[in-house]
Amino acid sequence: MEFPVITKKWGKSIHKLDIVYPNLYYGGVYSLAMLIFYNYVNSLNNWQCNRVYLDKGKLSAKLIGFTLNYELDYMNVIKILKLNKLPLTKDRDEILFAGGNCVTSNPEIYSELFDFLFLGEVEESLAKILDIYEKFKDKPTFLEKIKDIPGVYVPGKTKHKTYGIVKDLDKIIYPLYQPLPKILSKEFVFGSSFILETERGCPYKCKFCMLGSLSKSVRQRSLKKIKGIIDKGTKLNKRDKVIIYAPSFVHKDRKEILRYMLSKGLTFSVPSIKAETVDEEFISLVVQGGQKTLTLAPECNESLRFKIKKLVKDETFFKVVDYANKYKVKKLKYYFLLGLPGQTMNDLKETVELIKSLKTKFKGQTYVSFNPLVGKPMTEFSGIVFDKKKIKTQALYLKKELSKIGVKIKIPSVSSSEKEYKLANLKGSILRLR
């Protein structure tokens, strides 16, 4: 059983849409895209939206959408369609669509499987899609009618790709209904919490990150709107914990947002923080909100960091450590990258020295994660070859050096990262992966 769920009287002429998260339920319940579809579609009198996951739910609608933000979920799309006995060819009766970062960055690989694609943000184009579907259920006619909607791409019909963007976040419906099972296991990593999206877009232009290209502008919900969402959302869902959903959390009123949640007796968690935007008061508020671990992403040593357009000096991270010590933060997590273009052994040595200094300065526990660079479309590192041998050599060196100072280091499977790289840069159709 889930709570809360949207209930209403379903008419005989109801239109149905299935929205699919192609991975496990315990992660998908926190997917903002799934919640946006669930809330918006079900807000319409003559529509019903059901959520489907790799391990939960079955496809039953004629209009079926997939949200794709992780390359390694590609194969799960095929698996779900096969489990539900749906053809992988477009001559089926059902209309299939997809959206998400993976689709926006490399849409052509989906053109043989999906009937249409959302490129960019979906809210404004979704309303038009549903309106046309009500009037034209005949598949060829429907696709012809939607081919020129901004942010919608119909393979073989749309002549010029455009990307959907919501200019004013205050004007779109917020997904207040956020269903969770009444009994949560430890696999539900965010626990019983309410997801609060404060902003979209990122003002930074790091060479390795897709976000700066996908979200051309930073847009922030107004403080008044955010306060209303907090009040309504936590009451409706009966939750006293809030998860801030933002790529950078650089909202101009971010400290006031945190103060407001504290005044309401709420606990909260902020995402990986941008060291250059942090001051002592911000860290104090975060700790008061119940967060015991802070996450930072230096990525690499300072000289290489500036080359990849992450313009933050080492001293900025040390300043955050000082604040963390003052307010008794228990853990600091750092994210770094392996396999960067031009990353030399000297760069790795400087990175090790940086980690040593950060660990020495911090009074709590230090955790370090190194992720292999995956060059993706729509980034400045698009086309960078994944050098598996080089990355493995770097990983061995780092494990050896950091073990000497007792730093807990995590490096994901290099083979898995290589697979992610191949999928992200796939040419042709994902149907080749069957």
Protein backbone atom coordinates (compact mmCIF):
# COMPACT_ATOMS: atom_id res chain seq x y z
CA MET A 1 0.00 0.00 0.00
CA GLU A 2 1.15 3.51 -0.87
CA PHE A 3 0.35 6.90 0.62
CA PRO A 4 -0.78 9.38 -0.57
CA VAL A 5 -2.38 8.35 -3.84
CA ILE A 6 -4.61 10.35 -6.16
CA THR A 7 -8.17 9.08 -6.11
CA LYS A 8 -11.13 10.30 -8.14
CA LYS A 9 -14.12 8.98 -10.04
CA TRP A 10 -12.97 7.44 -13.31
CA GLY A 11 -15.43 7.99 -16.16
CA LYS A 12 -16.20 5.47 -18.88
CA SER A 13 -14.38 7.53 -21.51
CA ILE A 14 -11.20 7.85 -19.44
CA HIS A 15 -7.89 8.20 -21.28
CA LYS A 16 -4.95 6.24 -19.85
CA LEU A 17 -1.21 6.84 -19.80
CA ASP A 18 1.47 4.58 -18.30
CA ILE A 19 4.70 6.27 -17.23
CA VAL A 20 7.64 3.88 -16.76
CA TYR A 21 10.80 4.07 -14.68
CA PRO A 22 13.05 1.38 -16.22
CA ASN A 23 14.66 0.29 -12.99
CA LEU A 24 13.70 -0.86 -9.50
CA TYR A 25 10.78 0.56 -7.54
CA TYR A 26 12.78 1.63 -4.47
CA GLY A 27 14.72 4.14 -6.57
CA GLY A 28 11.96 5.12 -8.96
CA VAL A 29 9.58 6.36 -6.27
CA TYR A 30 11.87 9.37 -5.83
CA SER A 31 12.04 10.16 -9.57
CA LEU A 32 10.83 13.72 -10.10
CA ALA A 33 9.91 12.98 -13.73
CA MET A 34 7.63 10.13 -12.64
CA LEU A 35 5.98 12.37 -10.06
CA ILE A 36 5.47 15.19 -12.56
CA PHE A 37 3.61 12.87 -14.95
CA TYR A 38 1.63 11.23 -12.15
CA ASN A 39 0.45 14.54 -10.72
CA TYR A 40 -0.20 16.45 -13.92
CA VAL A 41 -1.97 13.74 -15.91
CA ASN A 42 -4.14 12.74 -12.96
CA SER A 43 -5.07 16.39 -12.38
CA LEU A 44 -7.06 16.25 -15.63
CA ASN A 45 -10.66 15.13 -15.27
CA ASN A 46 -10.61 12.62 -18.11
CA TRP A 47 -7.15 11.13 -17.65
CA GLN A 48 -5.57 8.41 -15.54
CA CYS A 49 -1.80 7.96 -15.13
CA ASN A 50 -0.30 4.76 -13.74
CA ARG A 51 3.33 4.33 -12.68
CA VAL A 52 5.22 1.21 -13.78
CA TYR A 53 8.68 0.02 -12.73
CA LEU A 54 10.99 -2.80 -13.73
CA ASP A 55 9.82 -4.85 -10.75
CA LYS A 56 6.35 -3.44 -10.12
CA GLY A 57 3.25 -2.83 -12.21
CA LYS A 58 2.14 -3.83 -15.71
CA LEU A 59 1.60 -1.88 -18.89
CA SER A 60 -2.08 -1.49 -19.75
CA ALA A 61 -2.44 1.85 -21.56
CA LYS A 62 -2.22 2.62 -25.26
CA LEU A 63 -0.04 5.67 -24.53
CA ILE A 64 3.18 4.62 -22.77
CA GLY A 65 6.14 6.78 -21.76
CA PHE A 66 9.62 6.01 -20.42
CA THR A 67 11.86 8.34 -18.42
CA LEU A 68 15.52 7.77 -19.25
CA ASN A 69 18.25 9.51 -17.28
CA TYR A 70 20.76 6.66 -16.90
CA GLU A 71 22.40 4.90 -19.83
CA LEU A 72 22.58 1.59 -18.03
CA ASP A 73 18.77 1.51 -17.98
CA TYR A 74 18.62 1.14 -21.78
CA MET A 75 18.39 -2.63 -21.69
CA ASN A 76 15.67 -2.52 -19.07
CA VAL A 77 13.42 -0.72 -21.55
CA ILE A 78 13.65 -3.72 -23.88
CA LYS A 79 13.14 -6.10 -20.95
CA ILE A 80 9.97 -4.32 -19.80
CA LEU A 81 8.49 -4.33 -23.31
CA LYS A 82 9.21 -8.03 -23.71
CA LEU A 83 7.77 -8.87 -20.27
CA ASN A 84 4.58 -7.08 -21.28
CA LYS A 85 4.55 -8.79 -24.69
CA LEU A 86 4.76 -5.52 -26.63
CA PRO A 87 6.37 -5.52 -30.09
CA LEU A 88 9.68 -3.70 -30.54
CA THR A 89 8.51 -2.43 -33.90
CA LYS A 90 6.40 0.66 -34.59
CA ASP A 91 3.60 -1.27 -36.29
CA ARG A 92 2.15 -1.97 -32.84
CA ASP A 93 -1.12 -0.32 -31.77
CA GLU A 94 0.44 1.32 -28.70
CA ILE A 95 2.11 4.73 -28.92
CA LEU A 96 5.48 4.73 -27.14
CA PHE A 97 7.44 7.82 -26.16
CA ALA A 98 10.48 8.65 -24.04
CA GLY A 99 12.16 11.64 -22.42
CA GLY A 100 14.99 12.48 -20.04
CA ASN A 101 18.62 13.54 -20.27
CA CYS A 102 19.69 10.46 -22.24
CA VAL A 103 17.00 11.07 -24.84
CA THR A 104 17.66 14.79 -25.13
CA SER A 105 21.41 14.33 -25.58
CA ASN A 106 21.28 11.48 -28.12
CA PRO A 107 17.75 11.20 -29.57
CA GLU A 108 18.49 9.40 -32.83
CA ILE A 109 19.33 6.08 -31.20
CA TYR A 110 15.71 5.85 -30.03
CA SER A 111 14.08 6.66 -33.36
CA GLU A 112 13.43 3.03 -34.35
CA LEU A 113 11.81 2.07 -31.04
CA PHE A 114 9.78 5.09 -29.90
CA ASP A 115 7.05 6.86 -31.83
CA PHE A 116 7.96 10.27 -30.44
CA LEU A 117 10.41 11.83 -27.99
CA PHE A 118 10.39 14.71 -25.53
CA LEU A 119 13.52 16.85 -25.85
CA GLY A 120 14.20 19.01 -22.80
CA GLU A 121 11.55 19.82 -20.23
CA VAL A 122 8.10 18.32 -20.77
CA GLU A 123 5.44 20.29 -18.89
CA GLU A 124 4.33 22.71 -21.60
CA SER A 125 4.51 20.25 -24.50
CA LEU A 126 2.84 17.49 -22.46
CA ALA A 127 -0.36 19.51 -22.12
CA LYS A 128 -0.56 19.90 -25.89
CA ILE A 129 0.20 16.22 -26.50
CA LEU A 130 -2.64 15.04 -24.26
CA ASP A 131 -5.09 17.49 -25.79
CA ILE A 132 -4.31 16.24 -29.31
CA TYR A 133 -4.46 12.60 -28.21
CA GLU A 134 -8.00 13.11 -26.95
CA LYS A 135 -9.07 14.30 -30.40
CA PHE A 136 -6.95 12.08 -32.64
CA LYS A 137 -6.31 8.56 -31.33
CA ASP A 138 -5.50 7.26 -34.80
CA LYS A 139 -1.73 6.77 -34.54
CA PRO A 140 -0.59 8.20 -37.93
CA THR A 141 -2.88 11.23 -37.55
CA PHE A 142 -1.79 11.82 -33.94
CA LEU A 143 1.91 11.77 -34.84
CA GLU A 144 1.35 14.12 -37.75
CA LYS A 145 -0.49 16.57 -35.48
CA ILE A 146 2.25 16.68 -32.81
CA LYS A 147 5.34 16.80 -35.03
CA ASP A 148 5.81 20.57 -34.79
CA ILE A 149 5.13 21.04 -31.07
CA PRO A 150 8.19 22.71 -29.46
CA GLY A 151 10.18 20.14 -27.49
CA VAL A 152 8.62 17.19 -29.33
CA TYR A 153 10.53 15.11 -31.87
CA VAL A 154 8.70 12.66 -34.15
CA PRO A 155 11.36 10.64 -36.03
CA GLY A 156 10.86 10.92 -39.77
CA LYS A 157 8.36 13.77 -39.45
CA THR A 158 9.89 16.59 -37.37
CA LYS A 159 12.17 18.65 -39.61
CA HIS A 160 13.90 20.79 -36.99
CA LYS A 161 14.58 19.70 -33.42
CA THR A 162 13.58 22.10 -30.65
CA TYR A 163 13.97 21.79 -26.91
CA GLY A 164 11.31 22.32 -24.28
CA ILE A 165 12.04 24.78 -21.51
CA VAL A 166 9.77 26.12 -18.79
CA LYS A 167 10.51 29.82 -18.42
CA ASP A 168 8.50 30.42 -15.25
CA LEU A 169 8.52 27.54 -12.75
CA ASP A 170 5.85 29.24 -10.65
CA LYS A 171 3.30 28.74 -13.43
CA ILE A 172 3.50 24.95 -13.71
CA ILE A 173 1.82 22.39 -11.49
CA TYR A 174 4.04 21.04 -8.70
CA PRO A 175 3.98 17.28 -7.97
CA LEU A 176 2.58 17.51 -4.46
CA TYR A 177 1.41 13.89 -4.38
CA GLN A 178 4.54 11.80 -3.75
CA PRO A 179 3.41 8.21 -3.01
CA LEU A 180 5.62 5.95 -0.91
CA PRO A 181 4.95 2.51 0.56
CA LYS A 182 3.74 2.72 4.14
CA ILE A 183 6.56 0.41 5.25
CA LEU A 184 10.01 1.44 4.00
CA SER A 185 13.04 -0.86 3.92
CA LYS A 186 16.61 0.48 4.07
CA GLU A 187 16.76 0.29 0.25
CA PHE A 188 14.62 3.43 0.11
CA VAL A 189 17.64 5.67 0.58
CA PHE A 190 15.77 8.95 1.15
CA GLY A 191 13.35 7.37 3.58
CA SER A 192 10.00 9.00 4.24
CA SER A 193 10.68 12.42 2.74
CA PHE A 194 9.16 15.10 0.53
CA ILE A 195 11.06 16.14 -2.61
CA LEU A 196 11.39 19.89 -3.08
CA GLU A 197 12.60 21.18 -6.45
CA THR A 198 13.76 24.76 -5.94
CA GLU A 199 15.33 25.54 -9.30
CA ARG A 200 16.37 24.21 -12.70
CA GLY A 201 19.51 24.74 -14.71
CA CYS A 202 23.09 25.28 -13.63
CA PRO A 203 25.13 28.50 -13.87
CA TYR A 204 28.41 26.58 -14.13
CA LYS A 205 29.92 25.32 -17.38
CA CYS A 206 32.17 22.43 -16.34
CA LYS A 207 33.47 20.66 -19.44
CA PHE A 208 32.49 17.19 -18.27
CA CYS A 209 28.88 17.98 -17.31
CA MET A 210 25.86 17.74 -19.59
CA LEU A 211 23.67 19.93 -17.41
CA GLY A 212 25.11 23.26 -18.56
CA SER A 213 24.19 22.40 -22.15
CA LEU A 214 20.81 20.80 -21.46
CA SER A 215 19.56 23.62 -19.22
CA LYS A 216 20.48 26.82 -21.00
CA SER A 217 19.30 29.11 -18.21
CA VAL A 218 18.92 29.00 -14.45
CA ARG A 219 15.33 29.41 -13.32
CA GLN A 220 14.27 29.62 -9.69
CA ARG A 221 10.89 29.22 -8.08
CA SER A 222 9.89 32.25 -6.04
CA LEU A 223 10.34 32.09 -2.29
CA LYS A 224 6.59 32.54 -1.85
CA LYS A 225 5.86 29.58 -4.14
CA ILE A 226 8.45 27.40 -2.41
CA LYS A 227 7.01 28.14 1.03
CA GLY A 228 3.57 27.17 -0.24
CA ILE A 229 4.91 23.92 -1.69
CA ILE A 230 6.63 23.08 1.60
CA ASP A 231 3.44 23.72 3.59
CA LYS A 232 1.11 21.82 1.27
CA GLY A 233 3.51 19.00 0.42
CA THR A 234 4.59 18.06 3.93
CA LYS A 235 0.99 18.22 5.18
CA LEU A 236 -0.47 16.20 2.31
CA ASN A 237 2.21 13.52 2.48
CA LYS A 238 2.47 13.60 6.29
CA ARG A 239 6.25 13.93 6.20
CA ASP A 240 8.61 15.94 8.33
CA LYS A 241 11.73 15.57 6.18
CA VAL A 242 12.47 17.45 2.95
CA ILE A 243 14.97 16.54 0.25
CA ILE A 244 16.21 19.56 -1.71
CA TYR A 245 16.21 18.66 -5.41
CA ALA A 246 18.52 21.03 -7.29
CA PRO A 247 21.61 20.54 -9.46
CA SER A 248 23.56 23.19 -7.56
CA PHE A 249 21.20 24.72 -4.99
CA VAL A 250 22.36 28.23 -5.82
CA HIS A 251 18.89 29.71 -5.24
CA LYS A 252 19.17 33.37 -4.28
CA ASP A 253 16.96 32.70 -1.23
CA ARG A 254 18.50 29.35 -0.27
CA LYS A 255 19.25 30.34 3.31
CA GLU A 256 15.75 31.76 3.79
CA ILE A 257 14.33 28.47 2.45
CA LEU A 258 16.31 26.56 5.07
CA ARG A 259 15.29 28.98 7.82
CA TYR A 260 11.65 28.56 6.87
CA MET A 261 11.85 24.77 7.09
CA LEU A 262 13.50 25.02 10.48
CA SER A 263 10.71 27.32 11.67
CA LYS A 264 8.26 24.58 10.67
CA GLY A 265 10.12 21.94 12.67
CA LEU A 266 11.26 20.09 9.53
CA THR A 267 14.50 18.27 8.92
CA PHE A 268 16.08 18.44 5.49
CA SER A 269 18.94 17.35 3.28
CA VAL A 270 20.75 19.42 0.66
CA PRO A 271 22.53 17.99 -2.42
CA SER A 272 26.24 18.12 -3.15
CA ILE A 273 27.14 21.68 -2.20
CA LYS A 274 29.05 24.18 -4.29
CA ALA A 275 31.96 25.19 -2.09
CA GLU A 276 32.19 28.63 -3.72
CA THR A 277 28.61 29.48 -2.65
CA VAL A 278 28.90 28.35 0.97
CA ASP A 279 29.36 30.53 4.01
CA GLU A 280 29.34 29.82 7.73
CA GLU A 281 25.63 30.58 8.19
CA PHE A 282 24.66 28.15 5.40
CA ILE A 283 26.58 25.28 7.05
CA SER A 284 25.04 26.18 10.41
CA LEU A 285 21.54 25.98 8.91
CA VAL A 286 22.25 22.67 7.18
CA VAL A 287 23.47 21.12 10.43
CA GLN A 288 20.45 22.48 12.33
CA GLY A 289 18.32 20.75 9.68
CA GLY A 290 19.70 17.40 10.79
CA GLN A 291 22.26 16.75 8.05
CA LYS A 292 25.35 15.03 9.41
CA THR A 293 27.23 14.51 6.14
CA LEU A 294 28.31 17.12 3.60
CA THR A 295 29.25 16.27 0.02
CA LEU A 296 31.72 18.26 -2.08
CA ALA A 297 33.14 17.68 -5.56
CA PRO A 298 36.68 19.00 -6.08
CA GLU A 299 36.97 16.64 -9.12
CA CYS A 300 40.80 16.81 -9.26
CA ASN A 301 43.80 18.93 -8.31
CA GLU A 302 43.53 22.71 -8.64
CA SER A 303 45.49 23.29 -11.86
CA LEU A 304 43.58 20.61 -13.79
CA ARG A 305 40.33 21.72 -12.16
CA PHE A 306 40.65 25.13 -13.79
CA LYS A 307 41.40 23.54 -17.17
CA ILE A 308 38.08 21.67 -17.07
CA LYS A 309 36.31 24.95 -16.22
CA LYS A 310 35.57 24.20 -12.59
CA LEU A 311 36.92 27.49 -11.31
CA VAL A 312 37.30 26.78 -7.59
CA LYS A 313 40.56 27.05 -5.66
CA ASP A 314 41.68 24.51 -3.07
CA GLU A 315 41.46 27.14 -0.34
CA THR A 316 37.69 27.30 -0.88
CA PHE A 317 37.32 23.63 0.08
CA PHE A 318 39.48 24.16 3.16
CA LYS A 319 37.20 26.99 4.22
CA VAL A 320 34.22 24.62 4.09
CA VAL A 321 36.18 22.15 6.23
CA ASP A 322 36.67 24.89 8.83
CA TYR A 323 32.91 25.50 8.94
CA ALA A 324 32.27 21.74 9.12
CA ASN A 325 34.59 21.47 12.12
CA LYS A 326 32.97 24.41 13.89
CA TYR A 327 29.47 22.93 13.55
CA LYS A 328 30.55 19.36 14.27
CA VAL A 329 29.71 17.80 10.91
CA LYS A 330 30.40 14.07 11.24
CA LYS A 331 31.33 13.11 7.67
CA LEU A 332 32.69 14.81 4.56
CA LYS A 333 32.39 13.07 1.21
CA TYR A 334 34.44 14.14 -1.79
CA TYR A 335 33.91 13.27 -5.45
CA PHE A 336 36.81 13.10 -7.89
CA LEU A 337 37.27 12.08 -11.53
CA LEU A 338 39.63 9.64 -13.23
CA GLY A 339 40.58 9.55 -16.89
CA LEU A 340 40.36 13.29 -17.51
CA PRO A 341 42.04 14.52 -20.72
CA GLY A 342 45.62 15.46 -19.93
CA GLN A 343 45.44 14.02 -16.40
CA THR A 344 49.05 13.13 -15.57
CA MET A 345 50.66 11.23 -12.70
CA ASN A 346 51.71 14.60 -11.32
CA ASP A 347 48.03 15.62 -11.27
CA LEU A 348 47.22 12.46 -9.33
CA LYS A 349 50.02 13.14 -6.86
CA GLU A 350 48.66 16.65 -6.28
CA THR A 351 45.18 15.19 -5.84
CA VAL A 352 46.49 12.76 -3.22
CA GLU A 353 48.19 15.62 -1.38
CA LEU A 354 44.95 17.61 -1.47
CA ILE A 355 43.03 14.68 0.02
CA LYS A 356 45.68 14.21 2.71
CA SER A 357 45.42 17.87 3.69
CA LEU A 358 41.62 17.82 3.72
CA LYS A 359 41.60 14.69 5.89
CA THR A 360 44.19 16.08 8.30
CA LYS A 361 42.25 19.31 8.72
CA PHE A 362 38.84 17.67 9.28
CA LYS A 363 37.97 16.31 12.72
CA GLY A 364 35.33 13.87 11.46
CA GLN A 365 35.38 11.01 8.95
CA THR A 366 36.54 11.51 5.37
CA TYR A 367 35.19 9.49 2.43
CA VAL A 368 36.47 9.74 -1.12
CA SER A 369 34.92 8.51 -4.36
CA PHE A 370 36.67 8.44 -7.74
CA ASN A 371 34.49 8.05 -10.83
CA PRO A 372 35.88 7.34 -14.30
CA LEU A 373 35.10 10.16 -16.72
CA VAL A 374 32.40 9.20 -19.20
CA GLY A 375 32.53 11.61 -22.12
CA LYS A 376 28.92 12.25 -23.16
CA PRO A 377 27.15 14.03 -26.00
CA MET A 378 26.39 17.72 -25.44
CA THR A 379 29.48 18.17 -23.26
CA GLU A 380 32.89 19.56 -24.15
CA PHE A 381 34.29 16.08 -23.57
CA SER A 382 32.03 14.50 -26.17
CA GLY A 383 34.16 12.19 -28.29
CA ILE A 384 36.81 11.64 -25.61
CA VAL A 385 37.77 7.98 -25.82
CA PHE A 386 37.33 5.89 -22.68
CA ASP A 387 40.85 4.65 -21.89
CA LYS A 388 40.16 1.62 -19.70
CA LYS A 389 43.83 0.69 -19.26
CA LYS A 390 44.82 4.20 -18.18
CA ILE A 391 41.91 4.46 -15.73
CA LYS A 392 42.73 1.12 -14.12
CA THR A 393 46.35 2.21 -13.69
CA GLN A 394 45.22 5.47 -12.08
CA ALA A 395 42.82 3.62 -9.79
CA LEU A 396 45.51 1.23 -8.55
CA TYR A 397 47.85 4.14 -7.80
CA LEU A 398 45.20 6.04 -5.85
CA LYS A 399 44.14 3.01 -3.82
CA LYS A 400 47.75 2.34 -2.89
CA GLU A 401 48.58 5.92 -1.90
CA LEU A 402 45.37 6.72 -0.05
CA SER A 403 45.41 3.45 1.89
CA LYS A 404 48.62 4.70 3.52
CA ILE A 405 46.69 7.46 5.28
CA GLY A 406 43.57 5.44 6.05
CA VAL A 407 41.24 7.21 3.64
CA LYS A 408 38.18 5.19 2.67
CA ILE A 409 38.08 5.24 -1.12
CA LYS A 410 35.35 4.05 -3.46
CA ILE A 411 35.86 3.44 -7.17
CA PRO A 412 32.95 1.99 -9.18
CA SER A 413 33.48 -0.80 -11.68
CA VAL A 414 35.63 0.45 -14.55
CA SER A 415 33.96 -2.09 -16.83
CA SER A 416 30.55 -0.73 -15.88
CA SER A 417 31.72 2.82 -16.62
CA GLU A 418 33.06 1.69 -19.97
CA LYS A 419 29.65 0.20 -20.77
CA GLU A 420 28.02 3.48 -19.79
CA TYR A 421 30.40 5.30 -22.17
CA LYS A 422 29.55 2.98 -25.07
CA LEU A 423 25.83 3.35 -24.48
CA ALA A 424 26.01 7.15 -24.13
CA ASN A 425 27.86 7.44 -27.43
CA LEU A 426 25.96 4.72 -29.28
CA LYS A 427 25.43 5.14 -33.00
CA GLY A 428 22.47 3.58 -34.72
CA SER A 429 19.60 2.13 -32.69
CA ILE A 430 19.31 0.78 -29.15
CA LEU A 431 17.57 -2.20 -30.73
CA ARG A 432 21.05 -3.37 -31.73
CA LEU A 433 21.64 -4.14 -28.05
CA ARG A 434 19.07 -6.94 -27.90
